[in-house]
């Protein structure tokens, strides 16, 4: 009989996997009263078949043993901290094992599988997964960094209405860049902590790509603000907020695969859920719906060179003529109302 024992991490990721053939094992004389049947001994002692280093586990803690009917049992050797089923509260002295059962021994979680246990269906490698790993190639990352610096510099140059202080701009963006690296390093270390591995350059490449997209989207919104009137202030504010939420969603979606290898459907649901929760929190703390329908004059005008206007602006002569025609129309309507009142009073 083939038995596979997996040691699991906090997220049930597999830390270690070992395969045993019970027919080939000799009986352990530690407790002859349990019967002289093939068994897998578990504990900290080096004579065990499965050696666990947790200090909360006894030298000879437990065993997996076949009975005369060929059924597998997990048996506690009277250990200090016992054996529990996952989410169970009581310690087990002797428990029949089914393929896929998870037990807690000390602070270790082990999953026991039989050789004929079915495996999940094979998952096709998706383009998105290949693309995320491709971002970790050094030439690609270098191109992203240069592209981000170029687009960010042009955006600052065209959208700043005051005198440019390049020293201050470089200093502020250097701090942001160090923050990028720190965030990528933190996520990478988390992936190592959870035994998922990963490529640090891929983490950094994903972060750079997301912020590169954010800068382009931000400039596009700025361009729209430059070409729209004050009546669309609420819409512009909504687009700016949506840009931030989109960046957050993309980053979470990518990182959940790179750092934790979560499936496409699960990482999409988790990312949408976290973003929706953040949106809800922000809506509770602001008058977002009122701002969306606001018609007040915009306080932060969007200034760009005239070349960025999407349509030719109205010249002064045309503006004055249109304004005077409005006054004439108002005067005419006033005269018509007066004539209508006089005709009514004459009747």
C-alpha atoms as a PDB file:
ATOM      1  CA  UNK A   1       0.000   0.000   0.000  1.00  0.00           C
ATOM      2  CA  UNK A   2       1.372   3.427  -1.004  1.00  0.00           C
ATOM      3  CA  UNK A   3       0.935   6.311   1.410  1.00  0.00           C
ATOM      4  CA  UNK A   4       1.873   9.934   0.650  1.00  0.00           C
ATOM      5  CA  UNK A   5       2.368  12.330   3.570  1.00  0.00           C
ATOM      6  CA  UNK A   6       2.348  16.065   2.855  1.00  0.00           C
ATOM      7  CA  UNK A   7       3.463  18.689   5.356  1.00  0.00           C
ATOM      8  CA  UNK A   8       1.256  21.781   4.910  1.00  0.00           C
ATOM      9  CA  UNK A   9       1.876  25.472   5.492  1.00  0.00           C
ATOM     10  CA  UNK A  10      -0.495  28.061   6.923  1.00  0.00           C
ATOM     11  CA  UNK A  11      -2.377  28.400   3.619  1.00  0.00           C
ATOM     12  CA  UNK A  12      -2.365  24.611   3.055  1.00  0.00           C
ATOM     13  CA  UNK A  13       0.483  24.963   0.587  1.00  0.00           C
ATOM     14  CA  UNK A  14       2.649  21.862   0.426  1.00  0.00           C
ATOM     15  CA  UNK A  15       5.983  22.355   2.228  1.00  0.00           C
ATOM     16  CA  UNK A  16       7.184  18.779   1.871  1.00  0.00           C
ATOM     17  CA  UNK A  17       5.900  15.551   0.347  1.00  0.00           C
ATOM     18  CA  UNK A  18       7.136  12.013   1.034  1.00  0.00           C
ATOM     19  CA  UNK A  19       5.966   8.684  -0.320  1.00  0.00           C
ATOM     20  CA  UNK A  20       6.041   5.410   1.641  1.00  0.00           C
ATOM     21  CA  UNK A  21       5.243   1.819   0.722  1.00  0.00           C
ATOM     22  CA  UNK A  22       3.863   0.173   3.826  1.00  0.00           C
ATOM     23  CA  UNK A  23       4.452  -3.327   2.482  1.00  0.00           C
ATOM     24  CA  UNK A  24       8.199  -2.691   2.514  1.00  0.00           C
ATOM     25  CA  UNK A  25       8.392  -1.281   6.054  1.00  0.00           C
ATOM     26  CA  UNK A  26       9.305  -3.405   9.028  1.00  0.00           C
ATOM     27  CA  UNK A  27       7.184  -3.301  12.139  1.00  0.00           C
ATOM     28  CA  UNK A  28       8.318  -0.917  14.861  1.00  0.00           C
ATOM     29  CA  UNK A  29       8.680  -2.700  18.228  1.00  0.00           C
ATOM     30  CA  UNK A  30       7.981   0.545  20.150  1.00  0.00           C
ATOM     31  CA  UNK A  31       4.527  -0.668  21.108  1.00  0.00           C
ATOM     32  CA  UNK A  32       4.093  -4.360  20.360  1.00  0.00           C
ATOM     33  CA  UNK A  33       0.619  -4.346  21.913  1.00  0.00           C
ATOM     34  CA  UNK A  34      -0.611  -2.497  18.829  1.00  0.00           C
ATOM     35  CA  UNK A  35       0.234  -5.460  16.661  1.00  0.00           C
ATOM     36  CA  UNK A  36       3.154  -6.419  14.517  1.00  0.00           C
ATOM     37  CA  UNK A  37       1.884  -4.780  11.308  1.00  0.00           C
ATOM     38  CA  UNK A  38       3.731  -2.454   8.880  1.00  0.00           C
ATOM     39  CA  UNK A  39       3.662   1.118  10.096  1.00  0.00           C
ATOM     40  CA  UNK A  40       5.091   4.598   9.497  1.00  0.00           C
ATOM     41  CA  UNK A  41       6.469   6.085  12.690  1.00  0.00           C
ATOM     42  CA  UNK A  42       6.312   9.851  13.233  1.00  0.00           C
ATOM     43  CA  UNK A  43       8.344  11.936  15.684  1.00  0.00           C
ATOM     44  CA  UNK A  44      11.499  13.931  16.354  1.00  0.00           C
ATOM     45  CA  UNK A  45      13.769  10.935  16.928  1.00  0.00           C
ATOM     46  CA  UNK A  46      16.040  10.120  13.997  1.00  0.00           C
ATOM     47  CA  UNK A  47      14.883   6.510  13.966  1.00  0.00           C
ATOM     48  CA  UNK A  48      11.398   7.562  12.775  1.00  0.00           C
ATOM     49  CA  UNK A  49      10.258   7.138   9.205  1.00  0.00           C
ATOM     50  CA  UNK A  50       8.817  10.664   9.132  1.00  0.00           C
ATOM     51  CA  UNK A  51      10.994  13.086  11.116  1.00  0.00           C
ATOM     52  CA  UNK A  52       9.377  16.356  12.239  1.00  0.00           C
ATOM     53  CA  UNK A  53      11.591  18.969  13.899  1.00  0.00           C
ATOM     54  CA  UNK A  54       8.890  20.845  15.818  1.00  0.00           C
ATOM     55  CA  UNK A  55       9.793  21.019  19.527  1.00  0.00           C
ATOM     56  CA  UNK A  56       6.146  20.397  20.405  1.00  0.00           C
ATOM     57  CA  UNK A  57       6.389  16.865  18.989  1.00  0.00           C
ATOM     58  CA  UNK A  58       7.576  13.903  21.067  1.00  0.00           C
ATOM     59  CA  UNK A  59      10.554  11.762  20.092  1.00  0.00           C
ATOM     60  CA  UNK A  60       8.153   8.950  19.141  1.00  0.00           C
ATOM     61  CA  UNK A  61       4.878  10.787  18.727  1.00  0.00           C
ATOM     62  CA  UNK A  62       2.603   8.619  16.593  1.00  0.00           C
ATOM     63  CA  UNK A  63       2.397   6.089  13.800  1.00  0.00           C
ATOM     64  CA  UNK A  64       0.344   5.222  10.764  1.00  0.00           C
ATOM     65  CA  UNK A  65      -0.396   1.523  10.917  1.00  0.00           C
ATOM     66  CA  UNK A  66      -2.234  -1.045   8.840  1.00  0.00           C
ATOM     67  CA  UNK A  67      -4.600  -3.478  10.521  1.00  0.00           C
ATOM     68  CA  UNK A  68      -5.432  -7.031   9.501  1.00  0.00           C
ATOM     69  CA  UNK A  69      -8.147  -5.728   7.132  1.00  0.00           C
ATOM     70  CA  UNK A  70      -5.718  -3.430   5.283  1.00  0.00           C
ATOM     71  CA  UNK A  71      -7.178  -0.248   6.783  1.00  0.00           C
ATOM     72  CA  UNK A  72      -4.881   2.582   7.844  1.00  0.00           C
ATOM     73  CA  UNK A  73      -5.020   4.007  11.380  1.00  0.00           C
ATOM     74  CA  UNK A  74      -3.219   6.910  12.988  1.00  0.00           C
ATOM     75  CA  UNK A  75      -2.226   6.019  16.553  1.00  0.00           C
ATOM     76  CA  UNK A  76      -0.985   8.335  19.271  1.00  0.00           C
ATOM     77  CA  UNK A  77       1.893   7.029  21.411  1.00  0.00           C
ATOM     78  CA  UNK A  78       0.687   8.904  24.491  1.00  0.00           C
ATOM     79  CA  UNK A  79       2.353  12.140  23.372  1.00  0.00           C
ATOM     80  CA  UNK A  80       2.316  15.346  25.383  1.00  0.00           C
ATOM     81  CA  UNK A  81       0.419  17.478  22.836  1.00  0.00           C
ATOM     82  CA  UNK A  82      -1.531  14.704  21.133  1.00  0.00           C
ATOM     83  CA  UNK A  83      -3.041  14.470  17.653  1.00  0.00           C
ATOM     84  CA  UNK A  84      -6.082  16.380  16.436  1.00  0.00           C
ATOM     85  CA  UNK A  85      -8.135  16.454  13.279  1.00  0.00           C
ATOM     86  CA  UNK A  86      -8.041  19.771  11.442  1.00  0.00           C
ATOM     87  CA  UNK A  87     -10.361  22.180  13.325  1.00  0.00           C
ATOM     88  CA  UNK A  88     -10.900  19.471  15.944  1.00  0.00           C
ATOM     89  CA  UNK A  89     -10.679  20.234  19.679  1.00  0.00           C
ATOM     90  CA  UNK A  90     -10.166  16.820  21.235  1.00  0.00           C
ATOM     91  CA  UNK A  91      -7.017  14.715  21.012  1.00  0.00           C
ATOM     92  CA  UNK A  92      -7.247  11.379  19.226  1.00  0.00           C
ATOM     93  CA  UNK A  93      -5.831   8.142  20.544  1.00  0.00           C
ATOM     94  CA  UNK A  94      -6.680   6.047  17.499  1.00  0.00           C
ATOM     95  CA  UNK A  95      -8.396   7.223  14.319  1.00  0.00           C
ATOM     96  CA  UNK A  96      -9.224   5.519  11.026  1.00  0.00           C
ATOM     97  CA  UNK A  97      -7.596   7.430   8.159  1.00  0.00           C
ATOM     98  CA  UNK A  98      -9.302   8.265   4.878  1.00  0.00           C
ATOM     99  CA  UNK A  99      -7.345   9.505   1.890  1.00  0.00           C
ATOM    100  CA  UNK A 100      -7.086  13.298   2.083  1.00  0.00           C
ATOM    101  CA  UNK A 101      -7.482  13.587   5.876  1.00  0.00           C
ATOM    102  CA  UNK A 102      -5.522  16.386   7.565  1.00  0.00           C
ATOM    103  CA  UNK A 103      -4.189  15.996  11.106  1.00  0.00           C
ATOM    104  CA  UNK A 104      -2.453  18.451  13.432  1.00  0.00           C
ATOM    105  CA  UNK A 105       0.602  17.037  15.192  1.00  0.00           C
ATOM    106  CA  UNK A 106       2.215  19.553  17.503  1.00  0.00           C
ATOM    107  CA  UNK A 107       2.058  22.684  15.378  1.00  0.00           C
ATOM    108  CA  UNK A 108       2.431  20.772  12.112  1.00  0.00           C
ATOM    109  CA  UNK A 109      -0.352  19.986   9.688  1.00  0.00           C
ATOM    110  CA  UNK A 110       0.032  16.789   7.686  1.00  0.00           C
ATOM    111  CA  UNK A 111      -2.225  15.515   4.929  1.00  0.00           C
ATOM    112  CA  UNK A 112      -2.358  11.771   4.301  1.00  0.00           C
ATOM    113  CA  UNK A 113      -3.088  10.516   0.798  1.00  0.00           C
ATOM    114  CA  UNK A 114      -3.268   7.034  -0.679  1.00  0.00           C
ATOM    115  CA  UNK A 115      -1.520   6.170  -3.925  1.00  0.00           C
ATOM    116  CA  UNK A 116      -4.788   6.045  -5.875  1.00  0.00           C
ATOM    117  CA  UNK A 117      -5.975   9.472  -4.664  1.00  0.00           C
ATOM    118  CA  UNK A 118      -7.251  11.527  -7.655  1.00  0.00           C
ATOM    119  CA  UNK A 119      -5.350  14.669  -8.608  1.00  0.00           C
ATOM    120  CA  UNK A 120      -6.946  17.912  -9.892  1.00  0.00           C
ATOM    121  CA  UNK A 121      -7.290  18.413 -13.620  1.00  0.00           C
ATOM    122  CA  UNK A 122      -4.297  19.839 -15.456  1.00  0.00           C
ATOM    123  CA  UNK A 123      -4.494  23.624 -15.901  1.00  0.00           C
ATOM    124  CA  UNK A 124      -3.428  25.118 -19.218  1.00  0.00           C
ATOM    125  CA  UNK A 125      -0.688  27.728 -18.975  1.00  0.00           C
ATOM    126  CA  UNK A 126      -2.337  31.093 -19.646  1.00  0.00           C
ATOM    127  CA  UNK A 127      -0.857  33.999 -21.539  1.00  0.00           C
ATOM    128  CA  UNK A 128      -1.255  36.244 -18.492  1.00  0.00           C
ATOM    129  CA  UNK A 129       0.944  33.945 -16.402  1.00  0.00           C
ATOM    130  CA  UNK A 130       3.649  33.781 -19.072  1.00  0.00           C
ATOM    131  CA  UNK A 131       3.438  37.566 -19.457  1.00  0.00           C
ATOM    132  CA  UNK A 132       3.873  38.180 -15.713  1.00  0.00           C
ATOM    133  CA  UNK A 133       7.009  36.051 -15.651  1.00  0.00           C
ATOM    134  CA  UNK A 134       8.249  37.729 -18.844  1.00  0.00           C
ATOM    135  CA  UNK A 135       8.171  41.057 -17.010  1.00  0.00           C
ATOM    136  CA  UNK A 136      10.958  39.736 -14.794  1.00  0.00           C
ATOM    137  CA  UNK A 137      13.479  39.654 -17.654  1.00  0.00           C
ATOM    138  CA  UNK A 138      16.130  42.304 -17.112  1.00  0.00           C
ATOM    139  CA  UNK A 139      15.828  43.989 -20.582  1.00  0.00           C
ATOM    140  CA  UNK A 140      12.038  44.207 -20.189  1.00  0.00           C
ATOM    141  CA  UNK A 141      12.347  45.669 -16.694  1.00  0.00           C
ATOM    142  CA  UNK A 142      14.929  48.213 -17.894  1.00  0.00           C
ATOM    143  CA  UNK A 143      12.600  49.271 -20.744  1.00  0.00           C
ATOM    144  CA  UNK A 144       9.705  49.671 -18.284  1.00  0.00           C
ATOM    145  CA  UNK A 145      11.822  51.824 -15.976  1.00  0.00           C
ATOM    146  CA  UNK A 146      12.971  54.063 -18.838  1.00  0.00           C
ATOM    147  CA  UNK A 147       9.440  54.298 -20.225  1.00  0.00           C
ATOM    148  CA  UNK A 148       8.034  55.199 -16.816  1.00  0.00           C
ATOM    149  CA  UNK A 149      10.667  57.920 -16.289  1.00  0.00           C
ATOM    150  CA  UNK A 150       9.997  59.368 -19.759  1.00  0.00           C
ATOM    151  CA  UNK A 151       6.206  59.400 -19.452  1.00  0.00           C
ATOM    152  CA  UNK A 152       6.322  60.692 -15.882  1.00  0.00           C
ATOM    153  CA  UNK A 153       8.741  63.481 -16.849  1.00  0.00           C
ATOM    154  CA  UNK A 154       6.644  64.571 -19.829  1.00  0.00           C
ATOM    155  CA  UNK A 155       3.479  64.490 -17.717  1.00  0.00           C
ATOM    156  CA  UNK A 156       5.078  66.721 -15.072  1.00  0.00           C
ATOM    157  CA  UNK A 157       6.491  69.067 -17.710  1.00  0.00           C
ATOM    158  CA  UNK A 158       3.178  69.598 -19.513  1.00  0.00           C
ATOM    159  CA  UNK A 159       0.874  69.697 -16.465  1.00  0.00           C
ATOM    160  CA  UNK A 160       2.888  71.988 -14.183  1.00  0.00           C
ATOM    161  CA  UNK A 161       1.768  75.632 -14.454  1.00  0.00           C
ATOM    162  CA  UNK A 162       4.430  77.044 -12.097  1.00  0.00           C
ATOM    163  CA  UNK A 163       8.193  77.169 -12.511  1.00  0.00           C
ATOM    164  CA  UNK A 164       9.665  73.682 -12.651  1.00  0.00           C
ATOM    165  CA  UNK A 165      12.023  72.723  -9.841  1.00  0.00           C
ATOM    166  CA  UNK A 166      13.623  69.626 -11.265  1.00  0.00           C
ATOM    167  CA  UNK A 167      15.672  69.022  -8.116  1.00  0.00           C
ATOM    168  CA  UNK A 168      12.525  68.778  -6.002  1.00  0.00           C
ATOM    169  CA  UNK A 169      10.771  66.682  -8.654  1.00  0.00           C
ATOM    170  CA  UNK A 170      13.661  64.217  -8.861  1.00  0.00           C
ATOM    171  CA  UNK A 171      13.834  64.026  -5.052  1.00  0.00           C
ATOM    172  CA  UNK A 172      10.100  63.295  -4.704  1.00  0.00           C
ATOM    173  CA  UNK A 173      10.123  60.685  -7.467  1.00  0.00           C
ATOM    174  CA  UNK A 174      13.251  59.082  -6.047  1.00  0.00           C
ATOM    175  CA  UNK A 175      11.348  58.538  -2.807  1.00  0.00           C
ATOM    176  CA  UNK A 176       8.472  57.013  -4.788  1.00  0.00           C
ATOM    177  CA  UNK A 177      10.902  54.763  -6.664  1.00  0.00           C
ATOM    178  CA  UNK A 178      12.436  53.536  -3.422  1.00  0.00           C
ATOM    179  CA  UNK A 179       8.907  52.894  -2.223  1.00  0.00           C
ATOM    180  CA  UNK A 180       8.278  50.801  -5.360  1.00  0.00           C
ATOM    181  CA  UNK A 181      11.344  48.689  -4.674  1.00  0.00           C
ATOM    182  CA  UNK A 182      10.430  48.340  -0.983  1.00  0.00           C
ATOM    183  CA  UNK A 183       6.881  47.206  -1.789  1.00  0.00           C
ATOM    184  CA  UNK A 184       8.102  44.684  -4.373  1.00  0.00           C
ATOM    185  CA  UNK A 185      10.678  43.388  -1.884  1.00  0.00           C
ATOM    186  CA  UNK A 186       8.033  43.049   0.850  1.00  0.00           C
ATOM    187  CA  UNK A 187       5.706  41.026  -1.376  1.00  0.00           C
ATOM    188  CA  UNK A 188       8.622  38.888  -2.548  1.00  0.00           C
ATOM    189  CA  UNK A 189       9.631  38.147   1.060  1.00  0.00           C
ATOM    190  CA  UNK A 190       6.029  37.201   1.846  1.00  0.00           C
ATOM    191  CA  UNK A 191       6.055  34.749  -1.046  1.00  0.00           C
ATOM    192  CA  UNK A 192       9.255  33.226   0.338  1.00  0.00           C
ATOM    193  CA  UNK A 193       7.717  33.086   3.824  1.00  0.00           C
ATOM    194  CA  UNK A 194       4.729  31.149   2.497  1.00  0.00           C
ATOM    195  CA  UNK A 195       7.072  28.827   0.552  1.00  0.00           C
ATOM    196  CA  UNK A 196       5.720  30.002  -2.804  1.00  0.00           C
ATOM    197  CA  UNK A 197       9.006  31.276  -4.188  1.00  0.00           C
ATOM    198  CA  UNK A 198       9.010  33.709  -7.052  1.00  0.00           C
ATOM    199  CA  UNK A 199      11.198  36.107  -8.976  1.00  0.00           C
ATOM    200  CA  UNK A 200      11.973  39.472  -7.375  1.00  0.00           C
ATOM    201  CA  UNK A 201      12.469  41.094 -10.780  1.00  0.00           C
ATOM    202  CA  UNK A 202       8.987  39.880 -11.819  1.00  0.00           C
ATOM    203  CA  UNK A 203       7.488  41.505  -8.728  1.00  0.00           C
ATOM    204  CA  UNK A 204       9.318  44.740  -9.545  1.00  0.00           C
ATOM    205  CA  UNK A 205       8.341  44.527 -13.227  1.00  0.00           C
ATOM    206  CA  UNK A 206       4.653  44.121 -12.370  1.00  0.00           C
ATOM    207  CA  UNK A 207       4.776  47.133 -10.061  1.00  0.00           C
ATOM    208  CA  UNK A 208       6.498  49.276 -12.701  1.00  0.00           C
ATOM    209  CA  UNK A 209       4.000  48.225 -15.385  1.00  0.00           C
ATOM    210  CA  UNK A 210       1.031  49.059 -13.162  1.00  0.00           C
ATOM    211  CA  UNK A 211       2.381  52.519 -12.321  1.00  0.00           C
ATOM    212  CA  UNK A 212       3.329  53.069 -15.973  1.00  0.00           C
ATOM    213  CA  UNK A 213      -0.319  52.428 -16.932  1.00  0.00           C
ATOM    214  CA  UNK A 214      -1.433  54.675 -14.063  1.00  0.00           C
ATOM    215  CA  UNK A 215       0.674  57.627 -15.289  1.00  0.00           C
ATOM    216  CA  UNK A 216      -0.685  57.290 -18.834  1.00  0.00           C
ATOM    217  CA  UNK A 217      -4.286  57.058 -17.579  1.00  0.00           C
ATOM    218  CA  UNK A 218      -3.707  60.030 -15.261  1.00  0.00           C
ATOM    219  CA  UNK A 219      -2.427  62.182 -18.131  1.00  0.00           C
ATOM    220  CA  UNK A 220      -5.423  61.136 -20.272  1.00  0.00           C
ATOM    221  CA  UNK A 221      -7.784  62.264 -17.495  1.00  0.00           C
ATOM    222  CA  UNK A 222      -5.869  65.542 -17.202  1.00  0.00           C
ATOM    223  CA  UNK A 223      -6.304  66.018 -20.950  1.00  0.00           C
ATOM    224  CA  UNK A 224     -10.058  65.462 -20.607  1.00  0.00           C
ATOM    225  CA  UNK A 225     -10.271  68.008 -17.815  1.00  0.00           C
ATOM    226  CA  UNK A 226      -8.444  70.511 -19.999  1.00  0.00           C
ATOM    227  CA  UNK A 227     -11.034  70.040 -22.764  1.00  0.00           C
ATOM    228  CA  UNK A 228     -14.227  69.990 -20.654  1.00  0.00           C
ATOM    229  CA  UNK A 229     -16.180  72.601 -18.773  1.00  0.00           C
ATOM    230  CA  UNK A 230     -16.704  72.991 -15.048  1.00  0.00           C
ATOM    231  CA  UNK A 231     -20.018  71.157 -15.229  1.00  0.00           C
ATOM    232  CA  UNK A 232     -18.191  67.833 -15.478  1.00  0.00           C
ATOM    233  CA  UNK A 233     -16.156  68.254 -12.301  1.00  0.00           C
ATOM    234  CA  UNK A 234     -17.895  65.325 -10.620  1.00  0.00           C
ATOM    235  CA  UNK A 235     -17.225  63.034 -13.563  1.00  0.00           C
ATOM    236  CA  UNK A 236     -13.547  64.015 -13.660  1.00  0.00           C
ATOM    237  CA  UNK A 237     -13.171  63.360  -9.926  1.00  0.00           C
ATOM    238  CA  UNK A 238     -14.835  59.986 -10.415  1.00  0.00           C
ATOM    239  CA  UNK A 239     -12.423  59.091 -13.233  1.00  0.00           C
ATOM    240  CA  UNK A 240      -9.427  60.063 -11.088  1.00  0.00           C
ATOM    241  CA  UNK A 241     -10.653  57.869  -8.233  1.00  0.00           C
ATOM    242  CA  UNK A 242     -11.448  55.024 -10.657  1.00  0.00           C
ATOM    243  CA  UNK A 243      -7.886  55.233 -12.000  1.00  0.00           C
ATOM    244  CA  UNK A 244      -6.538  54.636  -8.496  1.00  0.00           C
ATOM    245  CA  UNK A 245      -8.875  51.702  -7.904  1.00  0.00           C
ATOM    246  CA  UNK A 246      -7.948  50.205 -11.287  1.00  0.00           C
ATOM    247  CA  UNK A 247      -4.251  50.398 -10.402  1.00  0.00           C
ATOM    248  CA  UNK A 248      -4.935  48.689  -7.078  1.00  0.00           C
ATOM    249  CA  UNK A 249      -6.983  45.925  -8.737  1.00  0.00           C
ATOM    250  CA  UNK A 250      -4.319  45.230 -11.380  1.00  0.00           C
ATOM    251  CA  UNK A 251      -1.557  45.099  -8.799  1.00  0.00           C
ATOM    252  CA  UNK A 252      -3.463  42.772  -6.467  1.00  0.00           C
ATOM    253  CA  UNK A 253      -4.483  40.541  -9.388  1.00  0.00           C
ATOM    254  CA  UNK A 254      -0.883  40.165 -10.565  1.00  0.00           C
ATOM    255  CA  UNK A 255       0.660  39.731  -7.120  1.00  0.00           C
ATOM    256  CA  UNK A 256      -1.818  37.072  -6.018  1.00  0.00           C
ATOM    257  CA  UNK A 257      -0.452  34.899  -8.802  1.00  0.00           C
ATOM    258  CA  UNK A 258       3.246  35.770  -8.539  1.00  0.00           C
ATOM    259  CA  UNK A 259       3.459  35.592  -4.748  1.00  0.00           C
ATOM    260  CA  UNK A 260       0.862  32.979  -3.862  1.00  0.00           C
ATOM    261  CA  UNK A 261       0.049  31.100  -7.127  1.00  0.00           C
ATOM    262  CA  UNK A 262      -3.692  31.622  -6.634  1.00  0.00           C
ATOM    263  CA  UNK A 263      -5.880  30.493  -9.544  1.00  0.00           C
ATOM    264  CA  UNK A 264      -7.297  32.945 -12.087  1.00  0.00           C
ATOM    265  CA  UNK A 265     -10.858  32.845 -10.758  1.00  0.00           C
ATOM    266  CA  UNK A 266      -9.898  33.106  -7.093  1.00  0.00           C
ATOM    267  CA  UNK A 267      -7.467  35.978  -7.550  1.00  0.00           C
ATOM    268  CA  UNK A 268     -10.025  37.899  -9.631  1.00  0.00           C
ATOM    269  CA  UNK A 269     -12.688  37.470  -6.947  1.00  0.00           C
ATOM    270  CA  UNK A 270     -10.288  38.368  -4.125  1.00  0.00           C
ATOM    271  CA  UNK A 271      -8.986  41.457  -5.947  1.00  0.00           C
ATOM    272  CA  UNK A 272     -12.494  42.690  -6.776  1.00  0.00           C
ATOM    273  CA  UNK A 273     -13.607  42.052  -3.193  1.00  0.00           C
ATOM    274  CA  UNK A 274     -10.730  44.022  -1.664  1.00  0.00           C
ATOM    275  CA  UNK A 275     -11.215  46.933  -4.065  1.00  0.00           C
ATOM    276  CA  UNK A 276     -14.983  46.945  -3.450  1.00  0.00           C
ATOM    277  CA  UNK A 277     -14.368  47.007   0.307  1.00  0.00           C
ATOM    278  CA  UNK A 278     -12.016  49.975  -0.079  1.00  0.00           C
ATOM    279  CA  UNK A 279     -14.548  51.792  -2.279  1.00  0.00           C
ATOM    280  CA  UNK A 280     -17.239  51.216   0.350  1.00  0.00           C
ATOM    281  CA  UNK A 281     -15.035  52.591   3.114  1.00  0.00           C
ATOM    282  CA  UNK A 282     -14.227  55.709   1.065  1.00  0.00           C
ATOM    283  CA  UNK A 283     -17.887  56.287   0.196  1.00  0.00           C
ATOM    284  CA  UNK A 284     -18.839  56.157   3.866  1.00  0.00           C
ATOM    285  CA  UNK A 285     -16.286  58.846   4.657  1.00  0.00           C
ATOM    286  CA  UNK A 286     -17.075  61.264   1.828  1.00  0.00           C
ATOM    287  CA  UNK A 287     -19.942  62.824  -0.074  1.00  0.00           C
ATOM    288  CA  UNK A 288     -18.892  61.058  -3.264  1.00  0.00           C
ATOM    289  CA  UNK A 289     -22.352  60.974  -4.819  1.00  0.00           C
ATOM    290  CA  UNK A 290     -22.876  64.689  -4.188  1.00  0.00           C
ATOM    291  CA  UNK A 291     -19.480  65.454  -5.690  1.00  0.00           C
ATOM    292  CA  UNK A 292     -20.374  63.435  -8.787  1.00  0.00           C
ATOM    293  CA  UNK A 293     -23.326  65.715  -9.550  1.00  0.00           C
ATOM    294  CA  UNK A 294     -21.557  68.894  -8.455  1.00  0.00           C
ATOM    295  CA  UNK A 295     -21.679  71.891 -10.833  1.00  0.00           C
ATOM    296  CA  UNK A 296     -19.408  74.255  -8.913  1.00  0.00           C
ATOM    297  CA  UNK A 297     -16.518  75.979 -10.625  1.00  0.00           C
ATOM    298  CA  UNK A 298     -13.438  73.822 -10.732  1.00  0.00           C
ATOM    299  CA  UNK A 299     -10.890  74.864  -8.129  1.00  0.00           C
ATOM    300  CA  UNK A 300      -7.902  73.133  -9.683  1.00  0.00           C
ATOM    301  CA  UNK A 301      -7.809  74.158 -13.322  1.00  0.00           C
ATOM    302  CA  UNK A 302      -6.058  71.779 -15.685  1.00  0.00           C
ATOM    303  CA  UNK A 303      -3.497  73.710 -17.690  1.00  0.00           C
ATOM    304  CA  UNK A 304      -1.812  72.353 -20.814  1.00  0.00           C
ATOM    305  CA  UNK A 305      -0.261  73.898 -23.941  1.00  0.00           C
ATOM    306  CA  UNK A 306      -2.859  74.932 -26.589  1.00  0.00           C
ATOM    307  CA  UNK A 307      -1.698  72.067 -28.810  1.00  0.00           C
ATOM    308  CA  UNK A 308      -3.505  69.649 -26.461  1.00  0.00           C
ATOM    309  CA  UNK A 309      -6.931  71.168 -27.172  1.00  0.00           C
ATOM    310  CA  UNK A 310      -9.048  68.626 -29.014  1.00  0.00           C
ATOM    311  CA  UNK A 311     -11.075  71.367 -30.766  1.00  0.00           C
ATOM    312  CA  UNK A 312     -10.303  74.929 -31.844  1.00  0.00           C
ATOM    313  CA  UNK A 313     -11.203  77.347 -29.037  1.00  0.00           C
ATOM    314  CA  UNK A 314     -13.679  80.191 -29.623  1.00  0.00           C
ATOM    315  CA  UNK A 315     -12.038  83.526 -30.438  1.00  0.00           C
ATOM    316  CA  UNK A 316     -12.881  86.779 -28.620  1.00  0.00           C
ATOM    317  CA  UNK A 317     -14.969  88.261 -31.441  1.00  0.00           C
ATOM    318  CA  UNK A 318     -17.151  85.178 -31.705  1.00  0.00           C
ATOM    319  CA  UNK A 319     -17.527  85.038 -27.908  1.00  0.00           C
ATOM    320  CA  UNK A 320     -18.633  88.698 -27.699  1.00  0.00           C
ATOM    321  CA  UNK A 321     -21.092  88.263 -30.573  1.00  0.00           C
ATOM    322  CA  UNK A 322     -22.612  85.218 -28.900  1.00  0.00           C
ATOM    323  CA  UNK A 323     -22.848  87.051 -25.578  1.00  0.00           C
ATOM    324  CA  UNK A 324     -24.535  90.105 -27.155  1.00  0.00           C
ATOM    325  CA  UNK A 325     -26.991  87.860 -29.008  1.00  0.00           C
ATOM    326  CA  UNK A 326     -27.939  86.307 -25.669  1.00  0.00           C
ATOM    327  CA  UNK A 327     -28.665  89.755 -24.205  1.00  0.00           C
ATOM    328  CA  UNK A 328     -30.743  90.677 -27.260  1.00  0.00           C
ATOM    329  CA  UNK A 329     -32.686  87.418 -26.946  1.00  0.00           C
ATOM    330  CA  UNK A 330     -33.389  88.097 -23.263  1.00  0.00           C
ATOM    331  CA  UNK A 331     -34.553  91.655 -24.043  1.00  0.00           C
ATOM    332  CA  UNK A 332     -36.808  90.345 -26.813  1.00  0.00           C
ATOM    333  CA  UNK A 333     -38.367  87.741 -24.526  1.00  0.00           C
ATOM    334  CA  UNK A 334     -38.943  90.421 -21.866  1.00  0.00           C
ATOM    335  CA  UNK A 335     -40.675  92.665 -24.424  1.00  0.00           C
ATOM    336  CA  UNK A 336     -42.887  89.783 -25.566  1.00  0.00           C
ATOM    337  CA  UNK A 337     -43.938  89.037 -21.984  1.00  0.00           C
ATOM    338  CA  UNK A 338     -44.836  92.687 -21.409  1.00  0.00           C
ATOM    339  CA  UNK A 339     -46.949  92.757 -24.576  1.00  0.00           C
ATOM    340  CA  UNK A 340     -48.693  89.568 -23.466  1.00  0.00           C
ATOM    341  CA  UNK A 341     -49.539  91.136 -20.084  1.00  0.00           C
ATOM    342  CA  UNK A 342     -50.893  94.298 -21.730  1.00  0.00           C
ATOM    343  CA  UNK A 343     -53.116  92.271 -24.052  1.00  0.00           C
ATOM    344  CA  UNK A 344     -54.473  90.281 -21.104  1.00  0.00           C
ATOM    345  CA  UNK A 345     -55.230  93.446 -19.082  1.00  0.00           C
ATOM    346  CA  UNK A 346     -56.982  95.033 -22.108  1.00  0.00           C
ATOM    347  CA  UNK A 347     -59.410  92.094 -22.231  1.00  0.00           C
END
